[in-house]
Amino acid sequence: MMEHLFDTLYGAGAEHLSFAPDFTGRAFVLRRNSGNLIVYASRRLAEEAESLVSAGMTIRQYINHHHQAMPSCDWASEHLGAPLFGPELERRQILAHCRMGGNFADRELSFPDFEVIPTPGHTVGSACFLWDDGQRRYLFTGDTIFLKDERWIGAVLSSSDRAAYLASLALIKTLSFDVLVPSLAKGAPFHLTDKRETERQIDAMMRRLERGADG
């Protein structure tokens, strides 16, 4: 069964990750009148096929960087008719694992309620997704920002661009959103926030990154 997190937001395919066994990754289902969206990927989505189908028509799946590309990404396209969309800058890496139905490169409103916002740094094509369901604004950050017991953490790899990462965090700090929804978390899979909390958490992240820390 999918996890019912908010009125229109569900968690699906929760799984422990081999590279971070204390953390849980999952995909999220955004229930929308004009067609549901899946954000992120999970190897366990197929196990929740009945719940996904009963939730209504799914029209697209979005991943925000190539680390989420996996053969199971094709499942939503094949069984739900939901093509995969990911960053154009990482198209080659994504296609090595799964098929794509489309891509994004710039900041854009893919739908009136769903905005793609490039936030490079973790990887060159990393992006956030901002969704407004009419009650709350959800920011899906992948692991550009993830959660460790309600603390916002960054994932700076040896291949990451630290300067771009800091610029993206500065951009995220200006966005208006109510719920942070990363792709992996230790503890709750989301964090309720407001402008003051967002600024406090991101300022702390930026200070750590400026000192050379990895998150």
C-alpha atoms as a PDB file:
ATOM      1  CA  MET A   1       0.000   0.000   0.000  1.00  0.00           C
ATOM      2  CA  MET A   2       1.142   3.530  -0.739  1.00  0.00           C
ATOM      3  CA  GLU A   3       1.780   5.865   2.188  1.00  0.00           C
ATOM      4  CA  HIS A   4      -0.857   8.619   2.426  1.00  0.00           C
ATOM      5  CA  LEU A   5       1.220  11.627   3.508  1.00  0.00           C
ATOM      6  CA  PHE A   6      -1.048  14.571   2.676  1.00  0.00           C
ATOM      7  CA  ASP A   7      -4.424  14.962   0.977  1.00  0.00           C
ATOM      8  CA  THR A   8      -2.942  14.622  -2.525  1.00  0.00           C
ATOM      9  CA  LEU A   9       0.591  13.317  -1.875  1.00  0.00           C
ATOM     10  CA  TYR A  10       1.504   9.657  -1.483  1.00  0.00           C
ATOM     11  CA  GLY A  11       4.776   7.827  -0.915  1.00  0.00           C
ATOM     12  CA  ALA A  12       5.409   4.694  -2.978  1.00  0.00           C
ATOM     13  CA  GLY A  13       8.013   1.956  -3.116  1.00  0.00           C
ATOM     14  CA  ALA A  14       9.878   2.789   0.087  1.00  0.00           C
ATOM     15  CA  GLU A  15      13.251   1.036   0.097  1.00  0.00           C
ATOM     16  CA  HIS A  16      16.456   1.033   2.118  1.00  0.00           C
ATOM     17  CA  LEU A  17      19.458   1.977   0.039  1.00  0.00           C
ATOM     18  CA  SER A  18      22.660  -0.054  -0.090  1.00  0.00           C
ATOM     19  CA  PHE A  19      24.869   3.064  -0.032  1.00  0.00           C
ATOM     20  CA  ALA A  20      22.970   4.597   2.911  1.00  0.00           C
ATOM     21  CA  PRO A  21      21.294   1.799   4.921  1.00  0.00           C
ATOM     22  CA  ASP A  22      20.020   4.179   7.628  1.00  0.00           C
ATOM     23  CA  PHE A  23      18.058   6.142   5.028  1.00  0.00           C
ATOM     24  CA  THR A  24      14.888   5.330   3.108  1.00  0.00           C
ATOM     25  CA  GLY A  25      14.301   6.299  -0.494  1.00  0.00           C
ATOM     26  CA  ARG A  26      10.917   6.375  -2.184  1.00  0.00           C
ATOM     27  CA  ALA A  27       9.022   7.748  -5.122  1.00  0.00           C
ATOM     28  CA  PHE A  28       6.064  10.075  -4.619  1.00  0.00           C
ATOM     29  CA  VAL A  29       2.685  10.108  -6.324  1.00  0.00           C
ATOM     30  CA  LEU A  30       1.087  13.498  -6.903  1.00  0.00           C
ATOM     31  CA  ARG A  31      -2.673  13.081  -7.286  1.00  0.00           C
ATOM     32  CA  ARG A  32      -3.970  15.672  -9.735  1.00  0.00           C
ATOM     33  CA  ASN A  33      -7.283  16.139 -11.519  1.00  0.00           C
ATOM     34  CA  SER A  34      -5.483  16.422 -14.856  1.00  0.00           C
ATOM     35  CA  GLY A  35      -3.416  13.255 -14.351  1.00  0.00           C
ATOM     36  CA  ASN A  36      -1.105  11.988 -11.634  1.00  0.00           C
ATOM     37  CA  LEU A  37       2.649  12.431 -11.641  1.00  0.00           C
ATOM     38  CA  ILE A  38       5.334  10.196 -10.152  1.00  0.00           C
ATOM     39  CA  VAL A  39       8.399  12.009  -8.816  1.00  0.00           C
ATOM     40  CA  TYR A  40      11.657  10.087  -8.300  1.00  0.00           C
ATOM     41  CA  ALA A  41      12.195   6.375  -8.840  1.00  0.00           C
ATOM     42  CA  SER A  42      11.981   3.189  -6.824  1.00  0.00           C
ATOM     43  CA  ARG A  43      12.796  -0.422  -7.630  1.00  0.00           C
ATOM     44  CA  ARG A  44       9.675  -1.388  -5.652  1.00  0.00           C
ATOM     45  CA  LEU A  45       7.051   0.581  -7.601  1.00  0.00           C
ATOM     46  CA  ALA A  46       5.765  -2.545  -9.337  1.00  0.00           C
ATOM     47  CA  GLU A  47       4.899  -4.056  -5.944  1.00  0.00           C
ATOM     48  CA  GLU A  48       2.348  -1.256  -5.481  1.00  0.00           C
ATOM     49  CA  ALA A  49       0.831  -1.504  -8.944  1.00  0.00           C
ATOM     50  CA  GLU A  50      -2.722  -2.001  -7.666  1.00  0.00           C
ATOM     51  CA  SER A  51      -2.565   1.129  -5.505  1.00  0.00           C
ATOM     52  CA  LEU A  52      -1.005   3.146  -8.309  1.00  0.00           C
ATOM     53  CA  VAL A  53      -3.714   2.131 -10.756  1.00  0.00           C
ATOM     54  CA  SER A  54      -6.512   2.803  -8.261  1.00  0.00           C
ATOM     55  CA  ALA A  55      -5.090   6.294  -7.608  1.00  0.00           C
ATOM     56  CA  GLY A  56      -6.064   7.283 -11.156  1.00  0.00           C
ATOM     57  CA  MET A  57      -4.352   7.869 -14.479  1.00  0.00           C
ATOM     58  CA  THR A  58      -0.615   8.586 -14.243  1.00  0.00           C
ATOM     59  CA  ILE A  59       0.703  10.722 -17.091  1.00  0.00           C
ATOM     60  CA  ARG A  60       4.424  11.213 -16.374  1.00  0.00           C
ATOM     61  CA  GLN A  61       7.308  10.193 -14.150  1.00  0.00           C
ATOM     62  CA  TYR A  62      10.007  12.760 -13.310  1.00  0.00           C
ATOM     63  CA  ILE A  63      13.528  12.165 -12.021  1.00  0.00           C
ATOM     64  CA  ASN A  64      15.652  15.121 -11.034  1.00  0.00           C
ATOM     65  CA  HIS A  65      19.112  13.740 -11.851  1.00  0.00           C
ATOM     66  CA  HIS A  66      20.734  10.691 -13.408  1.00  0.00           C
ATOM     67  CA  HIS A  67      21.484   8.890 -10.127  1.00  0.00           C
ATOM     68  CA  GLN A  68      17.773   8.004 -10.048  1.00  0.00           C
ATOM     69  CA  ALA A  69      17.922   6.328 -13.461  1.00  0.00           C
ATOM     70  CA  MET A  70      17.488   2.566 -13.181  1.00  0.00           C
ATOM     71  CA  PRO A  71      15.956  -0.167 -15.371  1.00  0.00           C
ATOM     72  CA  SER A  72      12.826  -0.142 -13.220  1.00  0.00           C
ATOM     73  CA  CYS A  73      12.128   3.390 -14.486  1.00  0.00           C
ATOM     74  CA  ASP A  74      10.685   1.745 -17.598  1.00  0.00           C
ATOM     75  CA  TRP A  75       7.963   0.078 -15.513  1.00  0.00           C
ATOM     76  CA  ALA A  76       5.815   3.221 -15.197  1.00  0.00           C
ATOM     77  CA  SER A  77       6.036   3.863 -18.917  1.00  0.00           C
ATOM     78  CA  GLU A  78       5.213   0.277 -19.860  1.00  0.00           C
ATOM     79  CA  HIS A  79       2.469  -0.422 -17.318  1.00  0.00           C
ATOM     80  CA  LEU A  80       0.997   2.988 -16.484  1.00  0.00           C
ATOM     81  CA  GLY A  81       1.588   4.840 -19.746  1.00  0.00           C
ATOM     82  CA  ALA A  82       3.702   7.384 -17.851  1.00  0.00           C
ATOM     83  CA  PRO A  83       6.816   8.345 -19.868  1.00  0.00           C
ATOM     84  CA  LEU A  84       9.987   9.307 -18.014  1.00  0.00           C
ATOM     85  CA  PHE A  85      11.199  12.916 -18.007  1.00  0.00           C
ATOM     86  CA  GLY A  86      14.663  13.945 -16.790  1.00  0.00           C
ATOM     87  CA  PRO A  87      17.339  16.614 -17.281  1.00  0.00           C
ATOM     88  CA  GLU A  88      18.568  17.136 -20.834  1.00  0.00           C
ATOM     89  CA  LEU A  89      22.115  17.684 -19.553  1.00  0.00           C
ATOM     90  CA  GLU A  90      22.135  14.117 -18.211  1.00  0.00           C
ATOM     91  CA  ARG A  91      20.240  12.479 -21.040  1.00  0.00           C
ATOM     92  CA  ARG A  92      23.157  10.234 -22.025  1.00  0.00           C
ATOM     93  CA  GLN A  93      23.586   8.849 -18.486  1.00  0.00           C
ATOM     94  CA  ILE A  94      19.847   8.285 -18.096  1.00  0.00           C
ATOM     95  CA  LEU A  95      19.493   6.504 -21.424  1.00  0.00           C
ATOM     96  CA  ALA A  96      22.174   4.045 -20.342  1.00  0.00           C
ATOM     97  CA  HIS A  97      19.634   2.632 -17.875  1.00  0.00           C
ATOM     98  CA  CYS A  98      16.126   3.476 -19.070  1.00  0.00           C
ATOM     99  CA  ARG A  99      14.084   5.047 -21.841  1.00  0.00           C
ATOM    100  CA  MET A 100      13.049   8.709 -21.799  1.00  0.00           C
ATOM    101  CA  GLY A 101       9.845  10.249 -23.082  1.00  0.00           C
ATOM    102  CA  GLY A 102      11.041  13.836 -22.694  1.00  0.00           C
ATOM    103  CA  ASN A 103      13.456  16.149 -20.972  1.00  0.00           C
ATOM    104  CA  PHE A 104      13.877  19.591 -19.487  1.00  0.00           C
ATOM    105  CA  ALA A 105      16.727  22.087 -19.624  1.00  0.00           C
ATOM    106  CA  ASP A 106      15.481  25.438 -18.347  1.00  0.00           C
ATOM    107  CA  ARG A 107      13.155  26.632 -15.642  1.00  0.00           C
ATOM    108  CA  GLU A 108       9.691  25.872 -16.930  1.00  0.00           C
ATOM    109  CA  LEU A 109       6.085  25.301 -15.980  1.00  0.00           C
ATOM    110  CA  SER A 110       5.537  21.777 -17.249  1.00  0.00           C
ATOM    111  CA  PHE A 111       1.945  22.135 -16.027  1.00  0.00           C
ATOM    112  CA  PRO A 112       0.214  25.134 -14.412  1.00  0.00           C
ATOM    113  CA  ASP A 113       0.773  23.563 -10.976  1.00  0.00           C
ATOM    114  CA  PHE A 114       4.178  21.893 -11.550  1.00  0.00           C
ATOM    115  CA  GLU A 115       7.405  23.823 -12.122  1.00  0.00           C
ATOM    116  CA  VAL A 116      10.852  22.493 -13.015  1.00  0.00           C
ATOM    117  CA  ILE A 117      13.682  24.537 -11.480  1.00  0.00           C
ATOM    118  CA  PRO A 118      17.292  23.687 -12.454  1.00  0.00           C
ATOM    119  CA  THR A 119      19.506  23.536  -9.354  1.00  0.00           C
ATOM    120  CA  PRO A 120      22.909  22.267 -10.551  1.00  0.00           C
ATOM    121  CA  GLY A 121      25.688  21.407  -8.153  1.00  0.00           C
ATOM    122  CA  HIS A 122      25.096  17.899  -6.849  1.00  0.00           C
ATOM    123  CA  THR A 123      25.187  16.936 -10.526  1.00  0.00           C
ATOM    124  CA  VAL A 124      25.302  19.178 -13.573  1.00  0.00           C
ATOM    125  CA  GLY A 125      21.645  18.596 -14.411  1.00  0.00           C
ATOM    126  CA  SER A 126      20.116  18.428 -10.932  1.00  0.00           C
ATOM    127  CA  ALA A 127      16.710  20.086 -10.668  1.00  0.00           C
ATOM    128  CA  CYS A 128      13.962  20.686  -8.137  1.00  0.00           C
ATOM    129  CA  PHE A 129      10.243  20.335  -8.764  1.00  0.00           C
ATOM    130  CA  LEU A 130       7.764  22.752  -7.175  1.00  0.00           C
ATOM    131  CA  TRP A 131       4.166  21.550  -6.992  1.00  0.00           C
ATOM    132  CA  ASP A 132       1.168  23.543  -5.784  1.00  0.00           C
ATOM    133  CA  ASP A 133      -1.846  21.348  -5.023  1.00  0.00           C
ATOM    134  CA  GLY A 134      -3.976  24.334  -4.028  1.00  0.00           C
ATOM    135  CA  GLN A 135      -3.398  23.773  -0.308  1.00  0.00           C
ATOM    136  CA  ARG A 136       0.379  23.464   0.028  1.00  0.00           C
ATOM    137  CA  ARG A 137       3.475  24.047  -2.049  1.00  0.00           C
ATOM    138  CA  TYR A 138       5.823  21.046  -2.126  1.00  0.00           C
ATOM    139  CA  LEU A 139       9.484  21.285  -3.151  1.00  0.00           C
ATOM    140  CA  PHE A 140      11.021  18.037  -4.397  1.00  0.00           C
ATOM    141  CA  THR A 141      14.796  18.398  -4.087  1.00  0.00           C
ATOM    142  CA  GLY A 142      16.115  14.908  -4.835  1.00  0.00           C
ATOM    143  CA  ASP A 143      19.252  14.651  -2.735  1.00  0.00           C
ATOM    144  CA  THR A 144      20.378  18.209  -3.431  1.00  0.00           C
ATOM    145  CA  ILE A 145      18.739  18.592  -0.020  1.00  0.00           C
ATOM    146  CA  PHE A 146      17.874  15.447   1.907  1.00  0.00           C
ATOM    147  CA  LEU A 147      16.713  14.859   5.468  1.00  0.00           C
ATOM    148  CA  LYS A 148      18.522  13.427   8.456  1.00  0.00           C
ATOM    149  CA  ASP A 149      16.208  13.520  11.471  1.00  0.00           C
ATOM    150  CA  GLU A 150      14.698  16.868  10.352  1.00  0.00           C
ATOM    151  CA  ARG A 151      18.118  18.369   9.548  1.00  0.00           C
ATOM    152  CA  TRP A 152      18.575  19.489   5.940  1.00  0.00           C
ATOM    153  CA  ILE A 153      21.727  17.970   4.432  1.00  0.00           C
ATOM    154  CA  GLY A 154      23.511  18.354   1.102  1.00  0.00           C
ATOM    155  CA  ALA A 155      25.259  15.655  -0.918  1.00  0.00           C
ATOM    156  CA  VAL A 156      28.517  17.082  -2.257  1.00  0.00           C
ATOM    157  CA  LEU A 157      30.355  14.395  -4.204  1.00  0.00           C
ATOM    158  CA  SER A 158      33.867  14.499  -5.625  1.00  0.00           C
ATOM    159  CA  SER A 159      32.209  15.173  -8.992  1.00  0.00           C
ATOM    160  CA  SER A 160      29.945  17.942  -7.654  1.00  0.00           C
ATOM    161  CA  ASP A 161      30.391  21.636  -8.450  1.00  0.00           C
ATOM    162  CA  ARG A 162      30.525  23.323  -5.060  1.00  0.00           C
ATOM    163  CA  ALA A 163      30.136  26.873  -6.412  1.00  0.00           C
ATOM    164  CA  ALA A 164      27.090  25.875  -8.462  1.00  0.00           C
ATOM    165  CA  TYR A 165      25.699  24.016  -5.442  1.00  0.00           C
ATOM    166  CA  LEU A 166      25.944  27.150  -3.293  1.00  0.00           C
ATOM    167  CA  ALA A 167      24.267  29.235  -5.998  1.00  0.00           C
ATOM    168  CA  SER A 168      21.440  26.707  -6.233  1.00  0.00           C
ATOM    169  CA  LEU A 169      20.939  26.734  -2.466  1.00  0.00           C
ATOM    170  CA  ALA A 170      20.736  30.529  -2.591  1.00  0.00           C
ATOM    171  CA  LEU A 171      18.019  30.187  -5.244  1.00  0.00           C
ATOM    172  CA  ILE A 172      16.096  27.582  -3.255  1.00  0.00           C
ATOM    173  CA  LYS A 173      16.144  29.906  -0.256  1.00  0.00           C
ATOM    174  CA  THR A 174      14.101  32.442  -2.267  1.00  0.00           C
ATOM    175  CA  LEU A 175      11.380  29.944  -3.211  1.00  0.00           C
ATOM    176  CA  SER A 176       8.069  29.859  -1.403  1.00  0.00           C
ATOM    177  CA  PHE A 177       7.151  26.344  -0.262  1.00  0.00           C
ATOM    178  CA  ASP A 178       5.518  24.632   2.693  1.00  0.00           C
ATOM    179  CA  VAL A 179       6.884  21.087   2.519  1.00  0.00           C
ATOM    180  CA  LEU A 180      10.362  19.830   1.658  1.00  0.00           C
ATOM    181  CA  VAL A 181      10.175  16.418  -0.029  1.00  0.00           C
ATOM    182  CA  PRO A 182      13.608  14.884  -0.754  1.00  0.00           C
ATOM    183  CA  SER A 183      14.318  11.567  -2.427  1.00  0.00           C
ATOM    184  CA  LEU A 184      15.848  10.038   0.699  1.00  0.00           C
ATOM    185  CA  ALA A 185      15.464  10.622   4.388  1.00  0.00           C
ATOM    186  CA  LYS A 186      16.315   9.271   7.789  1.00  0.00           C
ATOM    187  CA  GLY A 187      13.133   9.670   9.804  1.00  0.00           C
ATOM    188  CA  ALA A 188      10.070  11.323   8.283  1.00  0.00           C
ATOM    189  CA  PRO A 189      10.085  11.515   4.468  1.00  0.00           C
ATOM    190  CA  PHE A 190       9.141  15.211   4.427  1.00  0.00           C
ATOM    191  CA  HIS A 191       9.642  18.342   6.501  1.00  0.00           C
ATOM    192  CA  LEU A 192       7.064  21.058   7.058  1.00  0.00           C
ATOM    193  CA  THR A 193       8.667  24.474   6.799  1.00  0.00           C
ATOM    194  CA  ASP A 194       8.115  28.209   6.485  1.00  0.00           C
ATOM    195  CA  LYS A 195      10.260  31.102   5.254  1.00  0.00           C
ATOM    196  CA  ARG A 196      12.160  31.445   8.525  1.00  0.00           C
ATOM    197  CA  GLU A 197      12.846  27.710   8.858  1.00  0.00           C
ATOM    198  CA  THR A 198      13.903  27.432   5.210  1.00  0.00           C
ATOM    199  CA  GLU A 199      16.351  30.304   5.583  1.00  0.00           C
ATOM    200  CA  ARG A 200      17.771  28.872   8.819  1.00  0.00           C
ATOM    201  CA  GLN A 201      18.290  25.395   7.385  1.00  0.00           C
ATOM    202  CA  ILE A 202      19.791  26.568   4.087  1.00  0.00           C
ATOM    203  CA  ASP A 203      22.053  29.133   5.735  1.00  0.00           C
ATOM    204  CA  ALA A 204      23.449  26.318   7.898  1.00  0.00           C
ATOM    205  CA  MET A 205      23.957  24.145   4.811  1.00  0.00           C
ATOM    206  CA  MET A 206      25.742  26.946   2.977  1.00  0.00           C
ATOM    207  CA  ARG A 207      28.075  27.603   5.903  1.00  0.00           C
ATOM    208  CA  ARG A 208      29.009  23.918   5.974  1.00  0.00           C
ATOM    209  CA  LEU A 209      29.642  23.826   2.238  1.00  0.00           C
ATOM    210  CA  GLU A 210      31.685  27.021   2.348  1.00  0.00           C
ATOM    211  CA  ARG A 211      33.888  25.414   5.012  1.00  0.00           C
ATOM    212  CA  GLY A 212      34.492  22.475   2.682  1.00  0.00           C
ATOM    213  CA  ALA A 213      32.159  19.957   4.323  1.00  0.00           C
ATOM    214  CA  ASP A 214      30.221  17.492   2.152  1.00  0.00           C
ATOM    215  CA  GLY A 215      26.779  18.378   3.434  1.00  0.00           C
END
